[in-house]
Protein backbone atom coordinates (compact mmCIF):
# COMPACT_ATOMS: atom_id res chain seq x y z
CA UNK A 1 7.09 46.63 57.53
CA UNK A 2 5.34 48.60 60.23
CA UNK A 3 2.18 50.71 60.33
CA UNK A 4 2.39 53.89 62.37
CA UNK A 5 -0.55 56.13 63.32
CA UNK A 6 -0.30 59.64 64.70
CA UNK A 7 -2.01 63.01 65.03
CA UNK A 8 -1.01 65.62 62.46
CA UNK A 9 -0.65 69.39 62.97
CA UNK A 10 -4.43 69.83 62.48
CA UNK A 11 -5.18 67.28 65.21
CA UNK A 12 -6.39 64.65 62.72
CA UNK A 13 -5.38 60.98 62.82
CA UNK A 14 -3.21 59.65 60.00
CA UNK A 15 -1.28 56.47 59.29
CA UNK A 16 1.76 55.48 57.27
CA UNK A 17 3.41 52.20 56.34
CA UNK A 18 7.18 52.10 56.63
CA UNK A 19 9.47 49.53 55.01
CA UNK A 20 12.13 47.83 57.13
CA UNK A 21 14.64 50.47 56.00
CA UNK A 22 12.37 53.28 57.29
CA UNK A 23 11.17 54.38 53.86
CA UNK A 24 7.49 55.41 53.76
CA UNK A 25 5.79 53.22 51.16
CA UNK A 26 2.12 54.14 51.82
CA UNK A 27 0.11 56.65 53.81
CA UNK A 28 -3.48 57.49 54.62
CA UNK A 29 -3.65 60.38 52.16
CA UNK A 30 -6.16 62.09 54.42
CA UNK A 31 -6.72 62.86 58.08
CA UNK A 32 -9.43 61.32 60.25
CA UNK A 33 -11.31 63.00 63.06
CA UNK A 34 -11.74 59.71 64.93
CA UNK A 35 -8.95 57.26 65.75
CA UNK A 36 -11.30 54.35 65.04
CA UNK A 37 -11.69 55.51 61.41
CA UNK A 38 -7.92 55.66 61.01
CA UNK A 39 -7.48 52.16 62.43
CA UNK A 40 -10.30 50.85 60.20
CA UNK A 41 -8.44 52.23 57.18
CA UNK A 42 -5.28 50.37 58.25
CA UNK A 43 -7.31 47.17 58.54
CA UNK A 44 -8.72 47.68 55.02
CA UNK A 45 -5.24 48.07 53.56
CA UNK A 46 -3.91 45.06 55.46
CA UNK A 47 -6.82 42.93 54.22
CA UNK A 48 -6.32 43.98 50.59
CA UNK A 49 -3.25 41.75 50.11
CA UNK A 50 -5.12 39.64 47.56
CA UNK A 51 -6.43 42.59 45.54
CA UNK A 52 -5.40 42.43 41.87
CA UNK A 53 -2.72 44.72 40.45
CA UNK A 54 -3.92 46.20 37.16
CA UNK A 55 -2.15 48.50 34.73
CA UNK A 56 -4.27 51.41 33.49
């Protein structure tokens, strides 16, 4: 899997996580004015690997 970050049409930073087959499996869901905020969000997601999965 690979994280990609980019500027959208509004000039905001976004990220997405692609599976090995190229399928998008997660994205930022919002744009960020600052690249550092976008990269921080990627770090949060990467560090959440031990978060529980709960049915609601």
